[in-house]
Amino acid sequence: MTVEFDSDSLAATEQFLNRNYTTMEIGNATEVPVRSRIARDMLGGVSLDRLELGFDMSYDADPLHKVCLVGVESGWVEENYVDVGTDTFGPGEVGILTPPELPYSGVIHQARYTITMFDPALLNRVASADRPDTDQVALASHRTVTPEAGHRLTAVLSHMQQLAASYDGEVPPLVAATASQYLAATVLYAFPNTAGLEATPVDRRDAHPLTVRRAVAYMEAHIREDISVVDIAAAAYVTVRALQIAFRRHLDTTPTAYLKRMRLRGAHEDLIAGSADDGDSVAAIATTWGFGHPGRFAALYRRHYGRSPGAALAG
């Protein structure tokens, strides 16, 4: 936990929001006494906030300059969107609270909800357009493309919360980077956007075995680093879409899935070579290779190697 706040003061709540979000003015839209509870965890550059407001909080805020996701558990959130009008999010719904570059306003109606924020540049890391001079990837709507896409995004946000909470201190950088890219990819899948990753004839022509060999060589050389599919495509001298087509065509997988298998193999080799008597542990080895959730790592390892990682470490 990096931040905790609990107050029955409107002024103190406003000060907290100004320090941790952006400049804003808030008010109490009802006669109900003010009650604010806010907790924040960090997962790399992603902030994961859980909020509970026991009153109707009106707000008028400056731009956040971040992608801001809202997920409602109870109550409801009313937001005023430029050129769209007022929209509301109720229990079980997730959406974009505000575009990064615009001021925002609305009312939180006695709600328990989450706010997840990250730099918009993270979207470009996982879905770069084909030309180097292309503008920043942007989300084109505050609503998900389908309810099912919203459910998947909610599940990913819940997993991010669990992952961040499972560490006493800072989340290891590779774990945080992998999770952050997963979140950004899910957001791009969930919302209409300007990524523009449609395949072109050039992409199909570039999707040859040499592209795969270049990409795999880059992955091997940088396997312990924070690399994205954009970095891999650049190293292979092709677009992201061409890289994806090449891996699907020649290896029947995706670049991201292939990188994950490579890291799993690295973890496997460390488990086989390690010893609990020397202080090695499954959790430490998994974390080194970017696997932040012990249970998920154990299930993945068993699926690939037919036994538990603990058994592998024990020899």
C-alpha atoms as a PDB file:
ATOM      1  CA  MET A   1       0.000   0.000   0.000  1.00  0.00           C
ATOM      2  CA  THR A   2       1.518   3.352  -0.979  1.00  0.00           C
ATOM      3  CA  VAL A   3      -1.291   5.730   0.081  1.00  0.00           C
ATOM      4  CA  GLU A   4      -4.200   5.516   2.521  1.00  0.00           C
ATOM      5  CA  PHE A   5      -6.735   8.237   3.266  1.00  0.00           C
ATOM      6  CA  ASP A   6      -9.746   8.230   5.597  1.00  0.00           C
ATOM      7  CA  SER A   7     -11.617  11.430   6.427  1.00  0.00           C
ATOM      8  CA  ASP A   8     -14.978  12.982   7.221  1.00  0.00           C
ATOM      9  CA  SER A   9     -13.845  16.417   6.039  1.00  0.00           C
ATOM     10  CA  LEU A  10     -14.782  17.810   2.627  1.00  0.00           C
ATOM     11  CA  ALA A  11     -11.816  20.210   2.698  1.00  0.00           C
ATOM     12  CA  ALA A  12      -9.352  17.438   3.566  1.00  0.00           C
ATOM     13  CA  THR A  13     -10.799  15.240   0.807  1.00  0.00           C
ATOM     14  CA  GLU A  14     -10.366  18.035  -1.717  1.00  0.00           C
ATOM     15  CA  GLN A  15      -6.767  18.591  -0.623  1.00  0.00           C
ATOM     16  CA  PHE A  16      -6.011  14.888  -0.974  1.00  0.00           C
ATOM     17  CA  LEU A  17      -7.531  14.721  -4.459  1.00  0.00           C
ATOM     18  CA  ASN A  18      -5.573  17.799  -5.534  1.00  0.00           C
ATOM     19  CA  ARG A  19      -2.307  16.245  -4.327  1.00  0.00           C
ATOM     20  CA  ASN A  20      -2.871  12.821  -5.889  1.00  0.00           C
ATOM     21  CA  TYR A  21      -4.934  13.463  -9.043  1.00  0.00           C
ATOM     22  CA  THR A  22      -5.137  16.980 -10.451  1.00  0.00           C
ATOM     23  CA  THR A  23      -6.400  20.424  -9.491  1.00  0.00           C
ATOM     24  CA  MET A  24     -10.121  20.238  -8.770  1.00  0.00           C
ATOM     25  CA  GLU A  25     -12.978  21.654  -6.775  1.00  0.00           C
ATOM     26  CA  ILE A  26     -15.421  19.307  -5.056  1.00  0.00           C
ATOM     27  CA  GLY A  27     -18.714  19.723  -3.227  1.00  0.00           C
ATOM     28  CA  ASN A  28     -21.296  17.750  -1.288  1.00  0.00           C
ATOM     29  CA  ALA A  29     -24.381  17.463  -3.489  1.00  0.00           C
ATOM     30  CA  THR A  30     -26.555  16.117  -0.653  1.00  0.00           C
ATOM     31  CA  GLU A  31     -27.087  16.644   3.084  1.00  0.00           C
ATOM     32  CA  VAL A  32     -25.417  13.311   3.884  1.00  0.00           C
ATOM     33  CA  PRO A  33     -22.266  13.658   6.058  1.00  0.00           C
ATOM     34  CA  VAL A  34     -18.956  13.444   4.237  1.00  0.00           C
ATOM     35  CA  ARG A  35     -17.069  10.148   4.452  1.00  0.00           C
ATOM     36  CA  SER A  36     -14.087   9.387   2.199  1.00  0.00           C
ATOM     37  CA  ARG A  37     -11.884   6.303   2.143  1.00  0.00           C
ATOM     38  CA  ILE A  38      -9.164   6.026  -0.523  1.00  0.00           C
ATOM     39  CA  ALA A  39      -6.297   3.547  -0.891  1.00  0.00           C
ATOM     40  CA  ARG A  40      -3.655   3.459  -3.628  1.00  0.00           C
ATOM     41  CA  ASP A  41      -1.235   0.757  -4.743  1.00  0.00           C
ATOM     42  CA  MET A  42       1.360   1.206  -7.469  1.00  0.00           C
ATOM     43  CA  LEU A  43       2.315  -1.328 -10.123  1.00  0.00           C
ATOM     44  CA  GLY A  44       5.211   0.323 -11.885  1.00  0.00           C
ATOM     45  CA  GLY A  45       3.751   3.435 -13.486  1.00  0.00           C
ATOM     46  CA  VAL A  46       0.139   2.258 -13.051  1.00  0.00           C
ATOM     47  CA  SER A  47      -1.791   3.623 -10.063  1.00  0.00           C
ATOM     48  CA  LEU A  48      -4.523   1.362  -8.684  1.00  0.00           C
ATOM     49  CA  ASP A  49      -6.966   3.218  -6.448  1.00  0.00           C
ATOM     50  CA  ARG A  50      -9.883   1.900  -4.419  1.00  0.00           C
ATOM     51  CA  LEU A  51     -12.334   4.588  -3.318  1.00  0.00           C
ATOM     52  CA  GLU A  52     -15.412   4.602  -1.130  1.00  0.00           C
ATOM     53  CA  LEU A  53     -17.430   7.809  -0.826  1.00  0.00           C
ATOM     54  CA  GLY A  54     -20.360   7.878   1.575  1.00  0.00           C
ATOM     55  CA  PHE A  55     -21.796  11.075   0.094  1.00  0.00           C
ATOM     56  CA  ASP A  56     -22.595  12.510  -3.355  1.00  0.00           C
ATOM     57  CA  MET A  57     -19.372  14.236  -4.393  1.00  0.00           C
ATOM     58  CA  SER A  58     -19.606  16.754  -7.228  1.00  0.00           C
ATOM     59  CA  TYR A  59     -16.308  17.560  -8.931  1.00  0.00           C
ATOM     60  CA  ASP A  60     -14.887  19.964 -11.507  1.00  0.00           C
ATOM     61  CA  ALA A  61     -11.314  19.033 -12.415  1.00  0.00           C
ATOM     62  CA  ASP A  62      -8.408  19.952 -14.678  1.00  0.00           C
ATOM     63  CA  PRO A  63      -7.056  17.387 -17.199  1.00  0.00           C
ATOM     64  CA  LEU A  64      -5.321  14.350 -15.732  1.00  0.00           C
ATOM     65  CA  HIS A  65      -3.025  13.738 -18.737  1.00  0.00           C
ATOM     66  CA  LYS A  66      -3.449  10.031 -18.022  1.00  0.00           C
ATOM     67  CA  VAL A  67      -5.677   7.230 -19.215  1.00  0.00           C
ATOM     68  CA  CYS A  68      -8.231   7.014 -16.385  1.00  0.00           C
ATOM     69  CA  LEU A  69     -10.361   3.877 -16.033  1.00  0.00           C
ATOM     70  CA  VAL A  70     -13.300   3.761 -13.639  1.00  0.00           C
ATOM     71  CA  GLY A  71     -14.896   0.541 -12.412  1.00  0.00           C
ATOM     72  CA  VAL A  72     -18.011   0.719 -10.226  1.00  0.00           C
ATOM     73  CA  GLU A  73     -18.783  -1.798  -7.494  1.00  0.00           C
ATOM     74  CA  SER A  74     -21.732  -0.012  -5.841  1.00  0.00           C
ATOM     75  CA  GLY A  75     -23.494   3.319  -6.225  1.00  0.00           C
ATOM     76  CA  TRP A  76     -23.012   5.096  -9.534  1.00  0.00           C
ATOM     77  CA  VAL A  77     -20.730   7.575 -11.272  1.00  0.00           C
ATOM     78  CA  GLU A  78     -22.087  10.401 -13.416  1.00  0.00           C
ATOM     79  CA  GLU A  79     -19.626  12.012 -15.852  1.00  0.00           C
ATOM     80  CA  ASN A  80     -20.037  14.917 -18.280  1.00  0.00           C
ATOM     81  CA  TYR A  81     -18.383  14.186 -21.646  1.00  0.00           C
ATOM     82  CA  VAL A  82     -17.599  16.925 -24.165  1.00  0.00           C
ATOM     83  CA  ASP A  83     -19.695  16.529 -27.359  1.00  0.00           C
ATOM     84  CA  VAL A  84     -21.411  13.466 -25.846  1.00  0.00           C
ATOM     85  CA  GLY A  85     -23.267  14.745 -22.803  1.00  0.00           C
ATOM     86  CA  THR A  86     -23.787  13.054 -19.466  1.00  0.00           C
ATOM     87  CA  ASP A  87     -23.261   9.312 -19.097  1.00  0.00           C
ATOM     88  CA  THR A  88     -23.372   7.107 -16.024  1.00  0.00           C
ATOM     89  CA  PHE A  89     -21.601   3.954 -14.858  1.00  0.00           C
ATOM     90  CA  GLY A  90     -23.382   1.587 -12.485  1.00  0.00           C
ATOM     91  CA  PRO A  91     -22.349  -1.552 -10.576  1.00  0.00           C
ATOM     92  CA  GLY A  92     -20.323  -3.972 -12.696  1.00  0.00           C
ATOM     93  CA  GLU A  93     -19.545  -1.408 -15.392  1.00  0.00           C
ATOM     94  CA  VAL A  94     -16.114  -0.126 -16.447  1.00  0.00           C
ATOM     95  CA  GLY A  95     -15.183   2.742 -18.747  1.00  0.00           C
ATOM     96  CA  ILE A  96     -13.001   5.770 -19.398  1.00  0.00           C
ATOM     97  CA  LEU A  97     -13.744   8.472 -16.826  1.00  0.00           C
ATOM     98  CA  THR A  98     -12.174  11.273 -18.888  1.00  0.00           C
ATOM     99  CA  PRO A  99      -9.977  11.699 -21.973  1.00  0.00           C
ATOM    100  CA  PRO A 100      -6.396  12.466 -20.863  1.00  0.00           C
ATOM    101  CA  GLU A 101      -6.250  15.967 -22.339  1.00  0.00           C
ATOM    102  CA  LEU A 102      -9.657  17.338 -21.298  1.00  0.00           C
ATOM    103  CA  PRO A 103     -11.026  18.792 -18.049  1.00  0.00           C
ATOM    104  CA  TYR A 104     -13.792  16.720 -16.491  1.00  0.00           C
ATOM    105  CA  SER A 105     -16.748  17.080 -14.161  1.00  0.00           C
ATOM    106  CA  GLY A 106     -19.596  15.066 -12.715  1.00  0.00           C
ATOM    107  CA  VAL A 107     -20.955  13.512  -9.530  1.00  0.00           C
ATOM    108  CA  ILE A 108     -19.947  10.389  -7.603  1.00  0.00           C
ATOM    109  CA  HIS A 109     -23.161   9.082  -6.044  1.00  0.00           C
ATOM    110  CA  GLN A 110     -22.255   7.359  -2.743  1.00  0.00           C
ATOM    111  CA  ALA A 111     -20.126   4.856  -4.601  1.00  0.00           C
ATOM    112  CA  ARG A 112     -17.508   2.204  -3.996  1.00  0.00           C
ATOM    113  CA  TYR A 113     -15.346   2.138  -7.118  1.00  0.00           C
ATOM    114  CA  THR A 114     -11.841   1.859  -8.555  1.00  0.00           C
ATOM    115  CA  ILE A 115      -9.721   4.320 -10.503  1.00  0.00           C
ATOM    116  CA  THR A 116      -6.806   2.988 -12.573  1.00  0.00           C
ATOM    117  CA  MET A 117      -4.470   5.485 -14.243  1.00  0.00           C
ATOM    118  CA  PHE A 118      -1.429   5.221 -16.504  1.00  0.00           C
ATOM    119  CA  ASP A 119       0.539   7.264 -19.027  1.00  0.00           C
ATOM    120  CA  PRO A 120      -1.117   7.242 -22.493  1.00  0.00           C
ATOM    121  CA  ALA A 121       2.328   6.497 -23.984  1.00  0.00           C
ATOM    122  CA  LEU A 122       1.936   2.949 -22.651  1.00  0.00           C
ATOM    123  CA  LEU A 123      -0.705   2.347 -25.331  1.00  0.00           C
ATOM    124  CA  ASN A 124       1.915   3.083 -27.992  1.00  0.00           C
ATOM    125  CA  ARG A 125       4.279   0.566 -26.438  1.00  0.00           C
ATOM    126  CA  VAL A 126       1.885  -2.278 -27.189  1.00  0.00           C
ATOM    127  CA  ALA A 127       0.244  -1.008 -30.388  1.00  0.00           C
ATOM    128  CA  SER A 128       2.422   1.309 -32.412  1.00  0.00           C
ATOM    129  CA  ALA A 129       1.069   2.510 -35.762  1.00  0.00           C
ATOM    130  CA  ASP A 130       3.005   1.678 -38.909  1.00  0.00           C
ATOM    131  CA  ARG A 131       4.676   5.067 -39.499  1.00  0.00           C
ATOM    132  CA  PRO A 132       7.175   6.631 -37.080  1.00  0.00           C
ATOM    133  CA  ASP A 133       5.480  10.031 -37.338  1.00  0.00           C
ATOM    134  CA  THR A 134       2.048   8.719 -36.341  1.00  0.00           C
ATOM    135  CA  ASP A 135       0.266  10.560 -33.541  1.00  0.00           C
ATOM    136  CA  GLN A 136      -0.179   9.057 -30.109  1.00  0.00           C
ATOM    137  CA  VAL A 137      -2.580   6.124 -30.053  1.00  0.00           C
ATOM    138  CA  ALA A 138      -5.870   7.392 -28.629  1.00  0.00           C
ATOM    139  CA  LEU A 139      -9.045   5.783 -27.342  1.00  0.00           C
ATOM    140  CA  ALA A 140     -12.061   6.782 -29.420  1.00  0.00           C
ATOM    141  CA  SER A 141     -14.867   6.135 -26.918  1.00  0.00           C
ATOM    142  CA  HIS A 142     -15.423   6.013 -23.173  1.00  0.00           C
ATOM    143  CA  ARG A 143     -17.504   2.830 -23.506  1.00  0.00           C
ATOM    144  CA  THR A 144     -16.152  -0.663 -24.233  1.00  0.00           C
ATOM    145  CA  VAL A 145     -16.868  -2.207 -27.628  1.00  0.00           C
ATOM    146  CA  THR A 146     -18.971  -4.967 -26.033  1.00  0.00           C
ATOM    147  CA  PRO A 147     -20.111  -5.878 -22.507  1.00  0.00           C
ATOM    148  CA  GLU A 148     -17.895  -8.982 -22.760  1.00  0.00           C
ATOM    149  CA  ALA A 149     -14.846  -6.784 -23.419  1.00  0.00           C
ATOM    150  CA  GLY A 150     -15.751  -4.821 -20.307  1.00  0.00           C
ATOM    151  CA  HIS A 151     -15.969  -8.012 -18.236  1.00  0.00           C
ATOM    152  CA  ARG A 152     -12.517  -9.084 -19.430  1.00  0.00           C
ATOM    153  CA  LEU A 153     -11.079  -5.672 -18.579  1.00  0.00           C
ATOM    154  CA  THR A 154     -12.662  -5.817 -15.108  1.00  0.00           C
ATOM    155  CA  ALA A 155     -11.030  -9.206 -14.526  1.00  0.00           C
ATOM    156  CA  VAL A 156      -7.626  -7.843 -15.568  1.00  0.00           C
ATOM    157  CA  LEU A 157      -8.013  -4.822 -13.277  1.00  0.00           C
ATOM    158  CA  SER A 158      -8.876  -7.139 -10.385  1.00  0.00           C
ATOM    159  CA  HIS A 159      -5.785  -9.216 -11.111  1.00  0.00           C
ATOM    160  CA  MET A 160      -3.637  -6.059 -11.173  1.00  0.00           C
ATOM    161  CA  GLN A 161      -4.978  -5.093  -7.748  1.00  0.00           C
ATOM    162  CA  GLN A 162      -4.197  -8.545  -6.355  1.00  0.00           C
ATOM    163  CA  LEU A 163      -0.720  -8.523  -7.857  1.00  0.00           C
ATOM    164  CA  ALA A 164       0.170  -5.107  -6.447  1.00  0.00           C
ATOM    165  CA  ALA A 165      -1.189  -6.027  -3.011  1.00  0.00           C
ATOM    166  CA  SER A 166       0.843  -9.249  -2.872  1.00  0.00           C
ATOM    167  CA  TYR A 167       4.147  -7.359  -2.450  1.00  0.00           C
ATOM    168  CA  ASP A 168       5.174  -5.663   0.774  1.00  0.00           C
ATOM    169  CA  GLY A 169       7.369  -3.154  -1.066  1.00  0.00           C
ATOM    170  CA  GLU A 170       7.853  -2.121  -4.680  1.00  0.00           C
ATOM    171  CA  VAL A 171       6.726  -4.625  -7.302  1.00  0.00           C
ATOM    172  CA  PRO A 172       9.795  -6.010  -9.167  1.00  0.00           C
ATOM    173  CA  PRO A 173      10.326  -3.967 -12.364  1.00  0.00           C
ATOM    174  CA  LEU A 174       9.970  -6.838 -14.850  1.00  0.00           C
ATOM    175  CA  VAL A 175       6.775  -8.060 -13.162  1.00  0.00           C
ATOM    176  CA  ALA A 176       5.353  -4.528 -13.186  1.00  0.00           C
ATOM    177  CA  ALA A 177       6.332  -3.956 -16.825  1.00  0.00           C
ATOM    178  CA  THR A 178       4.788  -7.229 -18.006  1.00  0.00           C
ATOM    179  CA  ALA A 179       1.553  -6.566 -16.107  1.00  0.00           C
ATOM    180  CA  SER A 180       1.373  -2.964 -17.351  1.00  0.00           C
ATOM    181  CA  GLN A 181       1.709  -4.040 -20.984  1.00  0.00           C
ATOM    182  CA  TYR A 182      -0.971  -6.674 -20.426  1.00  0.00           C
ATOM    183  CA  LEU A 183      -3.285  -3.985 -19.051  1.00  0.00           C
ATOM    184  CA  ALA A 184      -2.606  -1.642 -21.984  1.00  0.00           C
ATOM    185  CA  ALA A 185      -3.226  -4.422 -24.506  1.00  0.00           C
ATOM    186  CA  THR A 186      -6.515  -5.276 -22.787  1.00  0.00           C
ATOM    187  CA  VAL A 187      -7.561  -1.609 -22.845  1.00  0.00           C
ATOM    188  CA  LEU A 188      -6.851  -1.417 -26.592  1.00  0.00           C
ATOM    189  CA  TYR A 189      -8.904  -4.566 -27.108  1.00  0.00           C
ATOM    190  CA  ALA A 190     -11.753  -3.260 -24.946  1.00  0.00           C
ATOM    191  CA  PHE A 191     -12.185   0.269 -26.407  1.00  0.00           C
ATOM    192  CA  PRO A 192     -12.398   1.655 -29.945  1.00  0.00           C
ATOM    193  CA  ASN A 193      -9.021   3.245 -30.707  1.00  0.00           C
ATOM    194  CA  THR A 194      -6.799   4.767 -33.379  1.00  0.00           C
ATOM    195  CA  ALA A 195      -4.048   2.138 -33.304  1.00  0.00           C
ATOM    196  CA  GLY A 196      -4.655   1.267 -36.948  1.00  0.00           C
ATOM    197  CA  LEU A 197      -3.036  -2.154 -37.016  1.00  0.00           C
ATOM    198  CA  GLU A 198      -4.781  -3.440 -40.140  1.00  0.00           C
ATOM    199  CA  ALA A 199      -2.489  -5.608 -42.240  1.00  0.00           C
ATOM    200  CA  THR A 200      -1.186  -4.202 -45.527  1.00  0.00           C
ATOM    201  CA  PRO A 201       0.330  -6.055 -48.543  1.00  0.00           C
ATOM    202  CA  VAL A 202       3.769  -4.947 -47.280  1.00  0.00           C
ATOM    203  CA  ASP A 203       3.037  -6.483 -43.871  1.00  0.00           C
ATOM    204  CA  ARG A 204       2.147  -9.805 -45.473  1.00  0.00           C
ATOM    205  CA  ARG A 205       5.285  -9.705 -47.616  1.00  0.00           C
ATOM    206  CA  ASP A 206       7.473  -8.973 -44.570  1.00  0.00           C
ATOM    207  CA  ALA A 207       6.011 -11.854 -42.566  1.00  0.00           C
ATOM    208  CA  HIS A 208       8.770 -14.285 -43.606  1.00  0.00           C
ATOM    209  CA  PRO A 209      11.023 -16.605 -41.547  1.00  0.00           C
ATOM    210  CA  LEU A 210      13.862 -14.055 -41.404  1.00  0.00           C
ATOM    211  CA  THR A 211      11.532 -11.722 -39.496  1.00  0.00           C
ATOM    212  CA  VAL A 212      10.915 -14.456 -36.931  1.00  0.00           C
ATOM    213  CA  ARG A 213      14.647 -15.214 -36.597  1.00  0.00           C
ATOM    214  CA  ARG A 214      15.490 -11.548 -36.034  1.00  0.00           C
ATOM    215  CA  ALA A 215      12.709 -11.197 -33.497  1.00  0.00           C
ATOM    216  CA  VAL A 216      13.702 -14.322 -31.568  1.00  0.00           C
ATOM    217  CA  ALA A 217      17.356 -13.226 -31.497  1.00  0.00           C
ATOM    218  CA  TYR A 218      16.312  -9.866 -30.038  1.00  0.00           C
ATOM    219  CA  MET A 219      14.111 -11.549 -27.434  1.00  0.00           C
ATOM    220  CA  GLU A 220      16.968 -13.850 -26.375  1.00  0.00           C
ATOM    221  CA  ALA A 221      19.378 -10.925 -26.020  1.00  0.00           C
ATOM    222  CA  HIS A 222      16.915  -8.833 -23.975  1.00  0.00           C
ATOM    223  CA  ILE A 223      14.868 -11.510 -22.226  1.00  0.00           C
ATOM    224  CA  ARG A 224      15.314 -10.071 -18.704  1.00  0.00           C
ATOM    225  CA  GLU A 225      14.499  -6.521 -19.819  1.00  0.00           C
ATOM    226  CA  ASP A 226      11.251  -4.568 -20.164  1.00  0.00           C
ATOM    227  CA  ILE A 227      10.587  -5.067 -23.880  1.00  0.00           C
ATOM    228  CA  SER A 228       7.320  -4.769 -25.766  1.00  0.00           C
ATOM    229  CA  VAL A 229       6.020  -6.027 -29.086  1.00  0.00           C
ATOM    230  CA  VAL A 230       6.853  -2.588 -30.512  1.00  0.00           C
ATOM    231  CA  ASP A 231      10.511  -3.002 -29.502  1.00  0.00           C
ATOM    232  CA  ILE A 232      10.607  -6.489 -30.996  1.00  0.00           C
ATOM    233  CA  ALA A 233       9.085  -5.325 -34.278  1.00  0.00           C
ATOM    234  CA  ALA A 234      11.586  -2.473 -34.526  1.00  0.00           C
ATOM    235  CA  ALA A 235      14.477  -4.888 -33.967  1.00  0.00           C
ATOM    236  CA  ALA A 236      13.126  -7.105 -36.762  1.00  0.00           C
ATOM    237  CA  TYR A 237      12.724  -4.066 -39.111  1.00  0.00           C
ATOM    238  CA  VAL A 238       9.006  -4.654 -39.647  1.00  0.00           C
ATOM    239  CA  THR A 239       5.703  -3.284 -38.406  1.00  0.00           C
ATOM    240  CA  VAL A 240       3.889  -4.740 -35.395  1.00  0.00           C
ATOM    241  CA  ARG A 241       1.255  -6.224 -37.680  1.00  0.00           C
ATOM    242  CA  ALA A 242       3.869  -7.908 -39.902  1.00  0.00           C
ATOM    243  CA  LEU A 243       5.543  -9.361 -36.808  1.00  0.00           C
ATOM    244  CA  GLN A 244       2.234 -10.742 -35.556  1.00  0.00           C
ATOM    245  CA  ILE A 245       1.457 -12.303 -38.947  1.00  0.00           C
ATOM    246  CA  ALA A 246       4.954 -13.836 -39.141  1.00  0.00           C
ATOM    247  CA  PHE A 247       4.694 -15.495 -35.730  1.00  0.00           C
ATOM    248  CA  ARG A 248       1.203 -16.778 -36.437  1.00  0.00           C
ATOM    249  CA  ARG A 249       2.211 -18.050 -39.883  1.00  0.00           C
ATOM    250  CA  HIS A 250       5.476 -19.777 -38.942  1.00  0.00           C
ATOM    251  CA  LEU A 251       5.142 -20.601 -35.221  1.00  0.00           C
ATOM    252  CA  ASP A 252       1.365 -20.602 -34.713  1.00  0.00           C
ATOM    253  CA  THR A 253       1.617 -18.233 -31.764  1.00  0.00           C
ATOM    254  CA  THR A 254       2.006 -14.536 -30.961  1.00  0.00           C
ATOM    255  CA  PRO A 255       5.241 -12.643 -30.183  1.00  0.00           C
ATOM    256  CA  THR A 256       4.052 -11.969 -26.638  1.00  0.00           C
ATOM    257  CA  ALA A 257       3.155 -15.614 -25.998  1.00  0.00           C
ATOM    258  CA  TYR A 258       6.504 -16.733 -27.425  1.00  0.00           C
ATOM    259  CA  LEU A 259       8.394 -14.330 -25.132  1.00  0.00           C
ATOM    260  CA  LYS A 260       6.424 -15.641 -22.162  1.00  0.00           C
ATOM    261  CA  ARG A 261       7.394 -19.225 -23.067  1.00  0.00           C
ATOM    262  CA  MET A 262      11.042 -18.186 -23.312  1.00  0.00           C
ATOM    263  CA  ARG A 263      10.890 -16.666 -19.836  1.00  0.00           C
ATOM    264  CA  LEU A 264       9.132 -19.753 -18.520  1.00  0.00           C
ATOM    265  CA  ARG A 265      11.984 -21.853 -19.929  1.00  0.00           C
ATOM    266  CA  GLY A 266      14.478 -19.567 -18.184  1.00  0.00           C
ATOM    267  CA  ALA A 267      12.625 -20.029 -14.911  1.00  0.00           C
ATOM    268  CA  HIS A 268      12.587 -23.800 -15.498  1.00  0.00           C
ATOM    269  CA  GLU A 269      16.360 -23.891 -16.010  1.00  0.00           C
ATOM    270  CA  ASP A 270      16.906 -21.874 -12.826  1.00  0.00           C
ATOM    271  CA  LEU A 271      14.623 -24.205 -10.864  1.00  0.00           C
ATOM    272  CA  ILE A 272      16.475 -27.285 -12.107  1.00  0.00           C
ATOM    273  CA  ALA A 273      19.859 -25.740 -11.311  1.00  0.00           C
ATOM    274  CA  GLY A 274      18.755 -24.243  -7.983  1.00  0.00           C
ATOM    275  CA  SER A 275      18.537 -25.634  -4.484  1.00  0.00           C
ATOM    276  CA  ALA A 276      16.341 -24.700  -1.568  1.00  0.00           C
ATOM    277  CA  ASP A 277      19.332 -25.465   0.673  1.00  0.00           C
ATOM    278  CA  ASP A 278      21.190 -22.595  -1.016  1.00  0.00           C
ATOM    279  CA  GLY A 279      18.339 -20.178  -0.355  1.00  0.00           C
ATOM    280  CA  ASP A 280      16.632 -20.437  -3.738  1.00  0.00           C
ATOM    281  CA  SER A 281      12.831 -20.257  -3.773  1.00  0.00           C
ATOM    282  CA  VAL A 282      10.124 -20.741  -6.360  1.00  0.00           C
ATOM    283  CA  ALA A 283       8.714 -17.261  -5.711  1.00  0.00           C
ATOM    284  CA  ALA A 284      12.093 -15.540  -6.130  1.00  0.00           C
ATOM    285  CA  ILE A 285      12.905 -17.375  -9.358  1.00  0.00           C
ATOM    286  CA  ALA A 286       9.431 -16.715 -10.769  1.00  0.00           C
ATOM    287  CA  THR A 287       9.700 -13.023  -9.933  1.00  0.00           C
ATOM    288  CA  THR A 288      13.129 -12.784 -11.588  1.00  0.00           C
ATOM    289  CA  TRP A 289      11.560 -13.978 -14.825  1.00  0.00           C
ATOM    290  CA  GLY A 290       8.570 -11.643 -14.667  1.00  0.00           C
ATOM    291  CA  PHE A 291       5.949 -13.959 -13.157  1.00  0.00           C
ATOM    292  CA  GLY A 292       4.416 -12.025 -10.294  1.00  0.00           C
ATOM    293  CA  HIS A 293       1.569 -14.314  -9.200  1.00  0.00           C
ATOM    294  CA  PRO A 294       2.823 -17.573  -7.596  1.00  0.00           C
ATOM    295  CA  GLY A 295      -0.398 -19.495  -8.189  1.00  0.00           C
ATOM    296  CA  ARG A 296      -0.618 -18.577 -11.863  1.00  0.00           C
ATOM    297  CA  PHE A 297       3.081 -19.339 -12.342  1.00  0.00           C
ATOM    298  CA  ALA A 298       2.686 -22.759 -10.712  1.00  0.00           C
ATOM    299  CA  ALA A 299      -0.306 -23.616 -12.926  1.00  0.00           C
ATOM    300  CA  LEU A 300       1.514 -22.473 -16.084  1.00  0.00           C
ATOM    301  CA  TYR A 301       4.657 -24.382 -15.112  1.00  0.00           C
ATOM    302  CA  ARG A 302       2.748 -27.581 -14.364  1.00  0.00           C
ATOM    303  CA  ARG A 303       0.910 -27.314 -17.690  1.00  0.00           C
ATOM    304  CA  HIS A 304       4.208 -27.087 -19.604  1.00  0.00           C
ATOM    305  CA  TYR A 305       6.483 -29.355 -17.557  1.00  0.00           C
ATOM    306  CA  GLY A 306       4.117 -31.839 -15.944  1.00  0.00           C
ATOM    307  CA  ARG A 307       5.075 -31.189 -12.340  1.00  0.00           C
ATOM    308  CA  SER A 308       5.073 -28.385  -9.815  1.00  0.00           C
ATOM    309  CA  PRO A 309       7.878 -25.809  -9.712  1.00  0.00           C
ATOM    310  CA  GLY A 310       8.493 -26.840  -6.091  1.00  0.00           C
ATOM    311  CA  ALA A 311       9.170 -30.400  -7.219  1.00  0.00           C
ATOM    312  CA  ALA A 312      11.540 -29.133  -9.896  1.00  0.00           C
ATOM    313  CA  LEU A 313      13.483 -27.098  -7.344  1.00  0.00           C
ATOM    314  CA  ALA A 314      13.664 -30.074  -5.002  1.00  0.00           C
ATOM    315  CA  GLY A 315      15.222 -32.142  -7.813  1.00  0.00           C
END
